[in-house]
Amino acid sequence: MKSGIGRNWPWASGGSSILAEYGTLHLEFMHLSKLSGKPVFAEKKVMNIRKVLNRLDKPQGLYPNYLNPNSGQWGQHHVSVGGLGDSFYEYLLKAWLMSDKTDEEGKKLYYDALQAIETNLIRKSSGGLTYIAEWKGGLLEHKMGHLTCFAGGMFALGADGAPDDKTGHQMELAAEIARTCHESYARTSLKLGPEAFRFDGGVEAIATRQNEKYFILRPEVIETYMYMWRFTHDPKYRQWGWEAVQALEQHCRLEGGYSGVRDVYASHPNHDDVQQSFYLAETLKYLYLLFSEDDHLSFEHWVFNTEAHPLPVIKKDNTEKPSQLE
C-alpha cells in the first residue's frame, strides 16, 4: 500500500496472478459501485477481467489457476476447484444472484465452467464416493482439499437456475459432495476433517500424507451443510453440523479460544495454538445459520461473499429493500 507497487507470489508459475485472487472481486466491486453511485468499479474493473478470460482459449473449457498479467496467457495448466481457484467459480454464480439474476453473462460463464468441471474433474470412487479431483496438465490427481468442500453448497445454490432441467441432477451432485466431505470427517479419530484427502492406493476420503492431516478450523464443510439444509431440510445436515460442533468443543476449545490441530488421525489433539480469523467470520457463522430459521439472512435478499460477509442483492426495481442486519 505504501509503495503502490503490485507484485505476485514468486512461486506462482513465473510471476503469474492467481485465478481466485483476480477472479474474486465481483461482489465487492458491484456493491462498491452501488454504494458510491460510480459504475466504474463494476463495469471497468471486474467486467474487464471477465472480457480477458472470455477471449482466452481454455483447456477443455477449464480455467487454469495461473494467468500471467504481462503476456495475458495462462501459466501452468493446473486446475483446482479448491485452493487457488475456488472462489472464482463461486463469484460467477453469486454475481448473477447479486444482480437479481440480470447478469446473464455471469450465469452463462458459471454453468459452462460447471459443465467442464463435471466432465473433467468429478469422479466416483470404487466405494461410491463422488469427489472433485485436481487437474495438472491433463493428468488427474485424485485428491480433494477441504477447501473444495465448499462446492457442495455452490452446486446447491446454483441448481435452481441450471439449464436443460438439470436442477435435480445438480442437487444430487451437491448432496454427494456433502456426503463425501462428511466421510472425510467421520473417518478420522477426532471427527474433524483433514486439509486434503485422497482416493488412490486403496484409500478413500483419507489423508495419506503427513502434511495434509491437519485441521485449522476451516468452514467449507459446514458451509455446504448450511446450504444443503436450507434447500432440502434433510435433518442429517443439522446432525452432521452438530457432530462437528461436538468435535470442535472437545478437541479445539482451549482456555484462550479455539485452536487448530496438527493430526486429525491422532488419538489426542496436538494443538497448533492458532485461531484463524475465518473461524469466527465463517465457521461459527455458518453453524449459527445452519441452526437458524431460513428467513435469518434469507437467500432472497442476501448473498454471502467468500468470507461469509452478507451483501445485499441489488434489486432490479429498487422498490424491495433487504431487511436490515440486526
C-alpha atoms as a PDB file:
ATOM      1  CA  MET A   1       0.000   0.000   0.000  1.00  0.00           C
ATOM      2  CA  LYS A   2       2.840   2.361   0.870  1.00  0.00           C
ATOM      3  CA  SER A   3       4.724   1.977  -2.402  1.00  0.00           C
ATOM      4  CA  GLY A   4       1.721   1.496  -4.668  1.00  0.00           C
ATOM      5  CA  ILE A   5       3.651  -1.259  -6.438  1.00  0.00           C
ATOM      6  CA  GLY A   6       1.899  -4.556  -7.068  1.00  0.00           C
ATOM      7  CA  ARG A   7       3.699  -7.875  -7.091  1.00  0.00           C
ATOM      8  CA  ASN A   8       2.830 -11.536  -7.426  1.00  0.00           C
ATOM      9  CA  TRP A   9       3.918 -14.512  -5.374  1.00  0.00           C
ATOM     10  CA  PRO A  10       7.326 -15.759  -6.532  1.00  0.00           C
ATOM     11  CA  TRP A  11       6.088 -19.377  -6.511  1.00  0.00           C
ATOM     12  CA  ALA A  12       3.090 -18.655  -8.752  1.00  0.00           C
ATOM     13  CA  SER A  13       4.135 -20.072 -12.119  1.00  0.00           C
ATOM     14  CA  GLY A  14       6.590 -17.467 -13.378  1.00  0.00           C
ATOM     15  CA  GLY A  15       5.081 -14.367 -11.782  1.00  0.00           C
ATOM     16  CA  SER A  16       1.505 -15.241 -12.652  1.00  0.00           C
ATOM     17  CA  SER A  17      -1.599 -13.885 -10.989  1.00  0.00           C
ATOM     18  CA  ILE A  18      -3.856 -16.386  -9.236  1.00  0.00           C
ATOM     19  CA  LEU A  19      -7.362 -17.118 -10.525  1.00  0.00           C
ATOM     20  CA  ALA A  20      -9.045 -16.915  -7.104  1.00  0.00           C
ATOM     21  CA  GLU A  21      -7.377 -13.559  -6.374  1.00  0.00           C
ATOM     22  CA  TYR A  22      -8.245 -11.627  -9.532  1.00  0.00           C
ATOM     23  CA  GLY A  23     -11.486 -13.522 -10.137  1.00  0.00           C
ATOM     24  CA  THR A  24     -12.972 -12.961  -6.691  1.00  0.00           C
ATOM     25  CA  LEU A  25     -13.816  -9.280  -6.918  1.00  0.00           C
ATOM     26  CA  HIS A  26     -17.292  -9.225  -8.486  1.00  0.00           C
ATOM     27  CA  LEU A  27     -19.421  -8.963  -5.372  1.00  0.00           C
ATOM     28  CA  GLU A  28     -17.408  -6.352  -3.515  1.00  0.00           C
ATOM     29  CA  PHE A  29     -16.916  -4.166  -6.595  1.00  0.00           C
ATOM     30  CA  MET A  30     -20.590  -4.400  -7.574  1.00  0.00           C
ATOM     31  CA  HIS A  31     -21.504  -3.402  -4.019  1.00  0.00           C
ATOM     32  CA  LEU A  32     -18.968  -0.563  -4.157  1.00  0.00           C
ATOM     33  CA  SER A  33     -20.492   0.704  -7.416  1.00  0.00           C
ATOM     34  CA  LYS A  34     -23.937   0.553  -5.844  1.00  0.00           C
ATOM     35  CA  LEU A  35     -22.860   2.426  -2.683  1.00  0.00           C
ATOM     36  CA  SER A  36     -20.783   5.069  -4.475  1.00  0.00           C
ATOM     37  CA  GLY A  37     -23.003   5.533  -7.497  1.00  0.00           C
ATOM     38  CA  LYS A  38     -19.876   5.070  -9.633  1.00  0.00           C
ATOM     39  CA  PRO A  39     -20.264   2.237 -12.150  1.00  0.00           C
ATOM     40  CA  VAL A  40     -16.513   2.270 -12.889  1.00  0.00           C
ATOM     41  CA  PHE A  41     -15.738  -0.329 -10.203  1.00  0.00           C
ATOM     42  CA  ALA A  42     -18.091  -2.938 -11.609  1.00  0.00           C
ATOM     43  CA  GLU A  43     -18.040  -2.065 -15.310  1.00  0.00           C
ATOM     44  CA  LYS A  44     -14.439  -1.023 -15.970  1.00  0.00           C
ATOM     45  CA  LYS A  45     -12.653  -3.203 -13.423  1.00  0.00           C
ATOM     46  CA  VAL A  46     -14.160  -6.624 -12.787  1.00  0.00           C
ATOM     47  CA  MET A  47     -16.075  -6.896 -16.064  1.00  0.00           C
ATOM     48  CA  ASN A  48     -12.828  -6.126 -17.869  1.00  0.00           C
ATOM     49  CA  ILE A  49     -11.229  -9.173 -16.207  1.00  0.00           C
ATOM     50  CA  ARG A  50     -14.168 -11.209 -17.464  1.00  0.00           C
ATOM     51  CA  LYS A  51     -13.632  -9.988 -21.032  1.00  0.00           C
ATOM     52  CA  VAL A  52      -9.977 -11.077 -20.929  1.00  0.00           C
ATOM     53  CA  LEU A  53     -10.920 -14.531 -19.623  1.00  0.00           C
ATOM     54  CA  ASN A  54     -13.654 -14.888 -22.227  1.00  0.00           C
ATOM     55  CA  ARG A  55     -11.190 -14.282 -25.051  1.00  0.00           C
ATOM     56  CA  LEU A  56      -8.651 -16.852 -23.871  1.00  0.00           C
ATOM     57  CA  ASP A  57      -8.683 -20.449 -25.018  1.00  0.00           C
ATOM     58  CA  LYS A  58      -9.478 -22.627 -22.057  1.00  0.00           C
ATOM     59  CA  PRO A  59      -8.115 -26.186 -21.938  1.00  0.00           C
ATOM     60  CA  GLN A  60     -11.167 -28.492 -22.033  1.00  0.00           C
ATOM     61  CA  GLY A  61     -13.254 -25.463 -21.011  1.00  0.00           C
ATOM     62  CA  LEU A  62     -11.363 -25.298 -17.683  1.00  0.00           C
ATOM     63  CA  TYR A  63      -9.792 -22.224 -16.086  1.00  0.00           C
ATOM     64  CA  PRO A  64      -6.155 -22.770 -15.047  1.00  0.00           C
ATOM     65  CA  ASN A  65      -5.118 -21.379 -11.658  1.00  0.00           C
ATOM     66  CA  TYR A  66      -2.401 -19.125 -13.102  1.00  0.00           C
ATOM     67  CA  LEU A  67      -2.562 -16.249 -15.598  1.00  0.00           C
ATOM     68  CA  ASN A  68       0.460 -14.136 -16.493  1.00  0.00           C
ATOM     69  CA  PRO A  69      -0.581 -10.442 -16.317  1.00  0.00           C
ATOM     70  CA  ASN A  70       2.193  -9.350 -18.682  1.00  0.00           C
ATOM     71  CA  SER A  71       1.682 -11.833 -21.503  1.00  0.00           C
ATOM     72  CA  GLY A  72      -2.061 -12.294 -20.921  1.00  0.00           C
ATOM     73  CA  GLN A  73      -1.547 -16.053 -21.255  1.00  0.00           C
ATOM     74  CA  TRP A  74      -2.173 -18.920 -18.867  1.00  0.00           C
ATOM     75  CA  GLY A  75       0.707 -20.157 -16.742  1.00  0.00           C
ATOM     76  CA  GLN A  76       0.923 -23.845 -15.823  1.00  0.00           C
ATOM     77  CA  HIS A  77      -2.221 -25.743 -16.734  1.00  0.00           C
ATOM     78  CA  HIS A  78      -3.176 -26.583 -13.159  1.00  0.00           C
ATOM     79  CA  VAL A  79      -6.888 -26.531 -12.374  1.00  0.00           C
ATOM     80  CA  SER A  80      -8.475 -26.714  -8.937  1.00  0.00           C
ATOM     81  CA  VAL A  81     -11.944 -26.079  -7.548  1.00  0.00           C
ATOM     82  CA  GLY A  82     -10.134 -25.878  -4.186  1.00  0.00           C
ATOM     83  CA  GLY A  83      -7.201 -23.642  -3.269  1.00  0.00           C
ATOM     84  CA  LEU A  84      -6.124 -21.077  -5.920  1.00  0.00           C
ATOM     85  CA  GLY A  85      -9.320 -21.488  -7.963  1.00  0.00           C
ATOM     86  CA  ASP A  86     -12.307 -21.973  -5.627  1.00  0.00           C
ATOM     87  CA  SER A  87     -13.959 -18.582  -5.179  1.00  0.00           C
ATOM     88  CA  PHE A  88     -13.684 -17.592  -8.851  1.00  0.00           C
ATOM     89  CA  TYR A  89     -16.426 -20.098  -9.725  1.00  0.00           C
ATOM     90  CA  GLU A  90     -18.463 -19.115  -6.682  1.00  0.00           C
ATOM     91  CA  TYR A  91     -18.348 -15.455  -7.713  1.00  0.00           C
ATOM     92  CA  LEU A  92     -19.579 -16.105 -11.264  1.00  0.00           C
ATOM     93  CA  LEU A  93     -22.706 -17.666  -9.783  1.00  0.00           C
ATOM     94  CA  LYS A  94     -23.100 -15.132  -6.994  1.00  0.00           C
ATOM     95  CA  ALA A  95     -22.599 -12.167  -9.332  1.00  0.00           C
ATOM     96  CA  TRP A  96     -25.687 -13.387 -11.187  1.00  0.00           C
ATOM     97  CA  LEU A  97     -27.619 -13.851  -7.929  1.00  0.00           C
ATOM     98  CA  MET A  98     -26.491 -10.488  -6.541  1.00  0.00           C
ATOM     99  CA  SER A  99     -27.627  -8.759  -9.741  1.00  0.00           C
ATOM    100  CA  ASP A 100     -31.149 -10.118  -9.084  1.00  0.00           C
ATOM    101  CA  LYS A 101     -30.476 -12.583 -11.906  1.00  0.00           C
ATOM    102  CA  THR A 102     -29.866  -9.939 -14.566  1.00  0.00           C
ATOM    103  CA  ASP A 103     -26.138 -10.689 -15.098  1.00  0.00           C
ATOM    104  CA  GLU A 104     -26.694 -13.254 -17.858  1.00  0.00           C
ATOM    105  CA  GLU A 105     -23.018 -13.353 -18.784  1.00  0.00           C
ATOM    106  CA  GLY A 106     -22.020 -14.349 -15.247  1.00  0.00           C
ATOM    107  CA  LYS A 107     -24.707 -17.034 -15.281  1.00  0.00           C
ATOM    108  CA  LYS A 108     -23.528 -18.496 -18.588  1.00  0.00           C
ATOM    109  CA  LEU A 109     -19.857 -18.467 -17.546  1.00  0.00           C
ATOM    110  CA  TYR A 110     -20.737 -20.294 -14.321  1.00  0.00           C
ATOM    111  CA  TYR A 111     -22.792 -23.072 -15.912  1.00  0.00           C
ATOM    112  CA  ASP A 112     -20.261 -23.527 -18.732  1.00  0.00           C
ATOM    113  CA  ALA A 113     -17.462 -23.820 -16.170  1.00  0.00           C
ATOM    114  CA  LEU A 114     -19.542 -26.252 -14.135  1.00  0.00           C
ATOM    115  CA  GLN A 115     -20.056 -28.443 -17.197  1.00  0.00           C
ATOM    116  CA  ALA A 116     -16.285 -28.546 -17.791  1.00  0.00           C
ATOM    117  CA  ILE A 117     -15.672 -29.367 -14.104  1.00  0.00           C
ATOM    118  CA  GLU A 118     -18.197 -32.180 -14.203  1.00  0.00           C
ATOM    119  CA  THR A 119     -16.755 -33.652 -17.401  1.00  0.00           C
ATOM    120  CA  ASN A 120     -13.092 -33.406 -16.465  1.00  0.00           C
ATOM    121  CA  LEU A 121     -12.743 -33.328 -12.671  1.00  0.00           C
ATOM    122  CA  ILE A 122     -15.687 -35.019 -10.974  1.00  0.00           C
ATOM    123  CA  ARG A 123     -15.178 -38.719 -10.413  1.00  0.00           C
ATOM    124  CA  LYS A 124     -16.713 -41.523  -8.334  1.00  0.00           C
ATOM    125  CA  SER A 125     -14.575 -43.829  -6.197  1.00  0.00           C
ATOM    126  CA  SER A 126     -14.956 -47.601  -6.208  1.00  0.00           C
ATOM    127  CA  GLY A 127     -16.669 -47.213  -2.832  1.00  0.00           C
ATOM    128  CA  GLY A 128     -19.264 -44.891  -4.344  1.00  0.00           C
ATOM    129  CA  LEU A 129     -17.974 -41.523  -3.098  1.00  0.00           C
ATOM    130  CA  THR A 130     -18.171 -38.611  -5.553  1.00  0.00           C
ATOM    131  CA  TYR A 131     -15.175 -36.265  -5.408  1.00  0.00           C
ATOM    132  CA  ILE A 132     -13.631 -33.360  -7.320  1.00  0.00           C
ATOM    133  CA  ALA A 133     -10.094 -34.162  -8.419  1.00  0.00           C
ATOM    134  CA  GLU A 134      -7.344 -31.702  -9.360  1.00  0.00           C
ATOM    135  CA  TRP A 135      -6.058 -31.396 -12.923  1.00  0.00           C
ATOM    136  CA  LYS A 136      -2.401 -30.952 -13.774  1.00  0.00           C
ATOM    137  CA  GLY A 137      -1.714 -30.536 -17.464  1.00  0.00           C
ATOM    138  CA  GLY A 138      -4.330 -33.088 -18.411  1.00  0.00           C
ATOM    139  CA  LEU A 139      -3.467 -35.601 -15.668  1.00  0.00           C
ATOM    140  CA  LEU A 140      -5.841 -36.059 -12.737  1.00  0.00           C
ATOM    141  CA  GLU A 141      -4.604 -36.049  -9.171  1.00  0.00           C
ATOM    142  CA  HIS A 142      -7.200 -37.963  -7.166  1.00  0.00           C
ATOM    143  CA  LYS A 143      -7.056 -35.596  -4.236  1.00  0.00           C
ATOM    144  CA  MET A 144      -9.769 -33.338  -2.828  1.00  0.00           C
ATOM    145  CA  GLY A 145      -8.962 -30.464  -0.496  1.00  0.00           C
ATOM    146  CA  HIS A 146     -11.050 -29.326   2.465  1.00  0.00           C
ATOM    147  CA  LEU A 147     -11.315 -26.008   0.616  1.00  0.00           C
ATOM    148  CA  THR A 148     -13.011 -27.822  -2.298  1.00  0.00           C
ATOM    149  CA  CYS A 149     -15.816 -28.945   0.017  1.00  0.00           C
ATOM    150  CA  PHE A 150     -17.494 -25.536  -0.378  1.00  0.00           C
ATOM    151  CA  ALA A 151     -18.546 -26.741  -3.855  1.00  0.00           C
ATOM    152  CA  GLY A 152     -21.417 -28.828  -2.488  1.00  0.00           C
ATOM    153  CA  GLY A 153     -23.043 -25.634  -1.247  1.00  0.00           C
ATOM    154  CA  MET A 154     -22.231 -23.832  -4.507  1.00  0.00           C
ATOM    155  CA  PHE A 155     -23.841 -26.567  -6.612  1.00  0.00           C
ATOM    156  CA  ALA A 156     -26.958 -26.425  -4.420  1.00  0.00           C
ATOM    157  CA  LEU A 157     -27.123 -22.628  -4.594  1.00  0.00           C
ATOM    158  CA  GLY A 158     -26.884 -22.697  -8.389  1.00  0.00           C
ATOM    159  CA  ALA A 159     -29.143 -25.699  -9.004  1.00  0.00           C
ATOM    160  CA  ASP A 160     -32.357 -23.703  -9.338  1.00  0.00           C
ATOM    161  CA  GLY A 161     -31.080 -21.757 -12.356  1.00  0.00           C
ATOM    162  CA  ALA A 162     -29.450 -24.725 -14.075  1.00  0.00           C
ATOM    163  CA  PRO A 163     -30.101 -25.113 -17.812  1.00  0.00           C
ATOM    164  CA  ASP A 164     -31.864 -28.031 -19.517  1.00  0.00           C
ATOM    165  CA  ASP A 165     -33.777 -29.313 -16.491  1.00  0.00           C
ATOM    166  CA  LYS A 166     -30.538 -30.115 -14.651  1.00  0.00           C
ATOM    167  CA  THR A 167     -31.756 -28.749 -11.307  1.00  0.00           C
ATOM    168  CA  GLY A 168     -32.350 -32.206  -9.845  1.00  0.00           C
ATOM    169  CA  HIS A 169     -29.040 -33.504 -11.163  1.00  0.00           C
ATOM    170  CA  GLN A 170     -27.099 -30.616  -9.616  1.00  0.00           C
ATOM    171  CA  MET A 171     -28.839 -31.079  -6.266  1.00  0.00           C
ATOM    172  CA  GLU A 172     -27.888 -34.768  -6.354  1.00  0.00           C
ATOM    173  CA  LEU A 173     -24.300 -33.790  -7.120  1.00  0.00           C
ATOM    174  CA  ALA A 174     -24.352 -31.295  -4.228  1.00  0.00           C
ATOM    175  CA  ALA A 175     -25.658 -33.982  -1.858  1.00  0.00           C
ATOM    176  CA  GLU A 176     -22.970 -36.433  -2.995  1.00  0.00           C
ATOM    177  CA  ILE A 177     -20.177 -33.900  -2.419  1.00  0.00           C
ATOM    178  CA  ALA A 178     -21.629 -33.135   1.032  1.00  0.00           C
ATOM    179  CA  ARG A 179     -21.601 -36.856   1.856  1.00  0.00           C
ATOM    180  CA  THR A 180     -18.003 -37.304   0.696  1.00  0.00           C
ATOM    181  CA  CYS A 181     -16.860 -34.340   2.790  1.00  0.00           C
ATOM    182  CA  HIS A 182     -18.757 -35.695   5.799  1.00  0.00           C
ATOM    183  CA  GLU A 183     -16.951 -39.012   5.298  1.00  0.00           C
ATOM    184  CA  SER A 184     -13.605 -37.192   5.389  1.00  0.00           C
ATOM    185  CA  TYR A 185     -14.571 -36.096   8.940  1.00  0.00           C
ATOM    186  CA  ALA A 186     -16.152 -39.396  10.007  1.00  0.00           C
ATOM    187  CA  ARG A 187     -13.057 -41.428   9.045  1.00  0.00           C
ATOM    188  CA  THR A 188     -10.716 -39.576  11.433  1.00  0.00           C
ATOM    189  CA  SER A 189     -10.077 -40.187  15.133  1.00  0.00           C
ATOM    190  CA  LEU A 190     -11.063 -36.646  16.141  1.00  0.00           C
ATOM    191  CA  LYS A 191     -14.097 -36.438  13.781  1.00  0.00           C
ATOM    192  CA  LEU A 192     -12.577 -33.337  12.179  1.00  0.00           C
ATOM    193  CA  GLY A 193     -11.647 -33.254   8.516  1.00  0.00           C
ATOM    194  CA  PRO A 194      -8.083 -33.210   7.159  1.00  0.00           C
ATOM    195  CA  GLU A 195      -6.737 -30.437   4.948  1.00  0.00           C
ATOM    196  CA  ALA A 196      -6.823 -32.801   1.950  1.00  0.00           C
ATOM    197  CA  PHE A 197      -7.880 -36.383   1.379  1.00  0.00           C
ATOM    198  CA  ARG A 198      -7.187 -38.886  -1.352  1.00  0.00           C
ATOM    199  CA  PHE A 199      -8.801 -41.565  -3.462  1.00  0.00           C
ATOM    200  CA  ASP A 200      -5.907 -43.739  -4.530  1.00  0.00           C
ATOM    201  CA  GLY A 201      -3.782 -46.614  -3.330  1.00  0.00           C
ATOM    202  CA  GLY A 202      -6.780 -48.333  -1.801  1.00  0.00           C
ATOM    203  CA  VAL A 203      -7.823 -45.430   0.443  1.00  0.00           C
ATOM    204  CA  GLU A 204     -10.926 -43.262   0.149  1.00  0.00           C
ATOM    205  CA  ALA A 205     -11.567 -39.856   1.739  1.00  0.00           C
ATOM    206  CA  ILE A 206      -8.458 -40.236   3.936  1.00  0.00           C
ATOM    207  CA  ALA A 207      -5.308 -38.097   4.123  1.00  0.00           C
ATOM    208  CA  THR A 208      -2.268 -40.233   3.354  1.00  0.00           C
ATOM    209  CA  ARG A 209       0.435 -37.561   3.632  1.00  0.00           C
ATOM    210  CA  GLN A 210       1.518 -36.117   6.944  1.00  0.00           C
ATOM    211  CA  ASN A 211       1.348 -32.549   5.635  1.00  0.00           C
ATOM    212  CA  GLU A 212      -2.357 -32.996   4.777  1.00  0.00           C
ATOM    213  CA  LYS A 213      -3.571 -34.378   8.119  1.00  0.00           C
ATOM    214  CA  TYR A 214      -4.034 -31.047   9.897  1.00  0.00           C
ATOM    215  CA  PHE A 215      -7.288 -29.173  10.601  1.00  0.00           C
ATOM    216  CA  ILE A 216      -7.245 -25.387  11.004  1.00  0.00           C
ATOM    217  CA  LEU A 217     -10.906 -24.668  11.891  1.00  0.00           C
ATOM    218  CA  ARG A 218     -11.905 -24.350   8.243  1.00  0.00           C
ATOM    219  CA  PRO A 219     -15.548 -23.572   7.343  1.00  0.00           C
ATOM    220  CA  GLU A 220     -16.120 -25.176   3.928  1.00  0.00           C
ATOM    221  CA  VAL A 221     -17.763 -28.424   5.048  1.00  0.00           C
ATOM    222  CA  ILE A 222     -20.066 -26.562   7.471  1.00  0.00           C
ATOM    223  CA  GLU A 223     -20.859 -24.072   4.680  1.00  0.00           C
ATOM    224  CA  THR A 224     -22.088 -26.907   2.470  1.00  0.00           C
ATOM    225  CA  TYR A 225     -24.174 -28.368   5.324  1.00  0.00           C
ATOM    226  CA  MET A 226     -25.841 -24.953   5.766  1.00  0.00           C
ATOM    227  CA  TYR A 227     -26.760 -24.623   2.086  1.00  0.00           C
ATOM    228  CA  MET A 228     -27.953 -28.224   1.912  1.00  0.00           C
ATOM    229  CA  TRP A 229     -30.132 -27.705   4.999  1.00  0.00           C
ATOM    230  CA  ARG A 230     -31.661 -24.527   3.550  1.00  0.00           C
ATOM    231  CA  PHE A 231     -32.516 -26.216   0.251  1.00  0.00           C
ATOM    232  CA  THR A 232     -33.579 -29.679   1.431  1.00  0.00           C
ATOM    233  CA  HIS A 233     -34.378 -29.508   5.166  1.00  0.00           C
ATOM    234  CA  ASP A 234     -32.989 -33.015   5.443  1.00  0.00           C
ATOM    235  CA  PRO A 235     -32.232 -33.369   9.198  1.00  0.00           C
ATOM    236  CA  LYS A 236     -28.960 -35.203   8.538  1.00  0.00           C
ATOM    237  CA  TYR A 237     -27.273 -31.897   7.668  1.00  0.00           C
ATOM    238  CA  ARG A 238     -28.066 -30.456  11.084  1.00  0.00           C
ATOM    239  CA  GLN A 239     -26.968 -33.747  12.630  1.00  0.00           C
ATOM    240  CA  TRP A 240     -23.644 -33.618  10.772  1.00  0.00           C
ATOM    241  CA  GLY A 241     -23.236 -29.979  11.813  1.00  0.00           C
ATOM    242  CA  TRP A 242     -23.885 -30.917  15.429  1.00  0.00           C
ATOM    243  CA  GLU A 243     -21.238 -33.668  15.214  1.00  0.00           C
ATOM    244  CA  ALA A 244     -18.775 -31.003  14.072  1.00  0.00           C
ATOM    245  CA  VAL A 245     -19.773 -28.713  16.964  1.00  0.00           C
ATOM    246  CA  GLN A 246     -19.128 -31.507  19.457  1.00  0.00           C
ATOM    247  CA  ALA A 247     -15.732 -32.298  17.912  1.00  0.00           C
ATOM    248  CA  LEU A 248     -14.752 -28.606  17.919  1.00  0.00           C
ATOM    249  CA  GLU A 249     -15.768 -28.249  21.577  1.00  0.00           C
ATOM    250  CA  GLN A 250     -13.995 -31.428  22.608  1.00  0.00           C
ATOM    251  CA  HIS A 251     -10.755 -31.121  20.665  1.00  0.00           C
ATOM    252  CA  CYS A 252     -10.269 -27.472  19.655  1.00  0.00           C
ATOM    253  CA  ARG A 253     -11.610 -25.405  22.532  1.00  0.00           C
ATOM    254  CA  LEU A 254      -8.932 -24.128  24.900  1.00  0.00           C
ATOM    255  CA  GLU A 255      -8.835 -21.548  27.650  1.00  0.00           C
ATOM    256  CA  GLY A 256      -7.919 -18.720  25.309  1.00  0.00           C
ATOM    257  CA  GLY A 257     -10.095 -19.608  22.320  1.00  0.00           C
ATOM    258  CA  TYR A 258     -10.108 -22.336  19.683  1.00  0.00           C
ATOM    259  CA  SER A 259      -7.054 -23.943  18.116  1.00  0.00           C
ATOM    260  CA  GLY A 260      -6.354 -25.998  15.034  1.00  0.00           C
ATOM    261  CA  VAL A 261      -4.885 -29.488  15.410  1.00  0.00           C
ATOM    262  CA  ARG A 262      -1.864 -30.987  13.671  1.00  0.00           C
ATOM    263  CA  ASP A 263      -3.156 -34.514  13.042  1.00  0.00           C
ATOM    264  CA  VAL A 264      -6.849 -35.459  12.937  1.00  0.00           C
ATOM    265  CA  TYR A 265      -5.977 -39.159  12.965  1.00  0.00           C
ATOM    266  CA  ALA A 266      -4.114 -38.984  16.298  1.00  0.00           C
ATOM    267  CA  SER A 267      -5.969 -40.233  19.368  1.00  0.00           C
ATOM    268  CA  HIS A 268      -5.236 -36.967  21.238  1.00  0.00           C
ATOM    269  CA  PRO A 269      -5.096 -33.499  19.641  1.00  0.00           C
ATOM    270  CA  ASN A 270      -1.771 -31.737  19.228  1.00  0.00           C
ATOM    271  CA  HIS A 271      -2.810 -28.079  19.019  1.00  0.00           C
ATOM    272  CA  ASP A 272      -1.199 -25.551  16.682  1.00  0.00           C
ATOM    273  CA  ASP A 273      -2.104 -22.640  19.016  1.00  0.00           C
ATOM    274  CA  VAL A 274      -3.731 -20.569  16.235  1.00  0.00           C
ATOM    275  CA  GLN A 275      -7.331 -19.368  15.993  1.00  0.00           C
ATOM    276  CA  GLN A 276      -7.803 -18.423  12.349  1.00  0.00           C
ATOM    277  CA  SER A 277      -9.840 -15.277  11.640  1.00  0.00           C
ATOM    278  CA  PHE A 278     -12.185 -17.251   9.364  1.00  0.00           C
ATOM    279  CA  TYR A 279     -13.237 -19.379  12.333  1.00  0.00           C
ATOM    280  CA  LEU A 280     -15.362 -16.512  13.657  1.00  0.00           C
ATOM    281  CA  ALA A 281     -16.192 -14.958  10.284  1.00  0.00           C
ATOM    282  CA  GLU A 282     -17.255 -18.205   8.598  1.00  0.00           C
ATOM    283  CA  THR A 283     -17.187 -21.466  10.559  1.00  0.00           C
ATOM    284  CA  LEU A 284     -19.222 -20.241  13.520  1.00  0.00           C
ATOM    285  CA  LYS A 285     -21.439 -18.043  11.352  1.00  0.00           C
ATOM    286  CA  TYR A 286     -22.378 -20.934   9.070  1.00  0.00           C
ATOM    287  CA  LEU A 287     -23.052 -23.121  12.119  1.00  0.00           C
ATOM    288  CA  TYR A 288     -25.287 -20.377  13.529  1.00  0.00           C
ATOM    289  CA  LEU A 289     -27.187 -20.124  10.232  1.00  0.00           C
ATOM    290  CA  LEU A 290     -27.454 -23.925   9.988  1.00  0.00           C
ATOM    291  CA  PHE A 291     -29.461 -23.902  13.210  1.00  0.00           C
ATOM    292  CA  SER A 292     -31.373 -20.650  12.486  1.00  0.00           C
ATOM    293  CA  GLU A 293     -34.666 -20.118  10.677  1.00  0.00           C
ATOM    294  CA  ASP A 294     -34.426 -19.758   6.891  1.00  0.00           C
ATOM    295  CA  ASP A 295     -35.544 -16.128   6.972  1.00  0.00           C
ATOM    296  CA  HIS A 296     -32.492 -15.154   9.026  1.00  0.00           C
ATOM    297  CA  LEU A 297     -30.331 -13.621   6.276  1.00  0.00           C
ATOM    298  CA  SER A 298     -32.566 -15.168   3.597  1.00  0.00           C
ATOM    299  CA  PHE A 299     -31.058 -16.024   0.225  1.00  0.00           C
ATOM    300  CA  GLU A 300     -33.737 -13.919  -1.430  1.00  0.00           C
ATOM    301  CA  HIS A 301     -32.175 -10.739  -0.053  1.00  0.00           C
ATOM    302  CA  TRP A 302     -28.583 -11.606   0.764  1.00  0.00           C
ATOM    303  CA  VAL A 303     -25.537 -13.124  -0.926  1.00  0.00           C
ATOM    304  CA  PHE A 304     -22.538 -14.214   1.149  1.00  0.00           C
ATOM    305  CA  ASN A 305     -19.144 -13.287  -0.149  1.00  0.00           C
ATOM    306  CA  THR A 306     -16.401 -15.892   0.005  1.00  0.00           C
ATOM    307  CA  GLU A 307     -15.586 -14.913   3.607  1.00  0.00           C
ATOM    308  CA  ALA A 308     -19.277 -15.160   4.609  1.00  0.00           C
ATOM    309  CA  HIS A 309     -19.939 -11.435   4.832  1.00  0.00           C
ATOM    310  CA  PRO A 310     -23.552 -10.753   3.744  1.00  0.00           C
ATOM    311  CA  LEU A 311     -24.022  -8.333   0.841  1.00  0.00           C
ATOM    312  CA  PRO A 312     -27.496  -7.254  -0.293  1.00  0.00           C
ATOM    313  CA  VAL A 313     -28.992  -8.417  -3.583  1.00  0.00           C
ATOM    314  CA  ILE A 314     -29.266  -5.388  -5.883  1.00  0.00           C
ATOM    315  CA  LYS A 315     -32.962  -5.492  -6.730  1.00  0.00           C
ATOM    316  CA  LYS A 316     -33.938  -4.675 -10.306  1.00  0.00           C
ATOM    317  CA  ASP A 317     -36.628  -2.158  -9.416  1.00  0.00           C
ATOM    318  CA  ASN A 318     -35.083  -0.970  -6.140  1.00  0.00           C
ATOM    319  CA  THR A 319     -38.511  -0.952  -4.506  1.00  0.00           C
ATOM    320  CA  GLU A 320     -37.785  -4.012  -2.427  1.00  0.00           C
ATOM    321  CA  LYS A 321     -35.241  -3.268   0.269  1.00  0.00           C
ATOM    322  CA  PRO A 322     -33.451  -6.041   2.161  1.00  0.00           C
ATOM    323  CA  SER A 323     -34.257  -6.277   5.823  1.00  0.00           C
ATOM    324  CA  GLN A 324     -31.540  -4.571   7.847  1.00  0.00           C
ATOM    325  CA  LEU A 325     -28.979  -6.635   9.702  1.00  0.00           C
ATOM    326  CA  GLU A 326     -29.798  -6.716  13.376  1.00  0.00           C
END
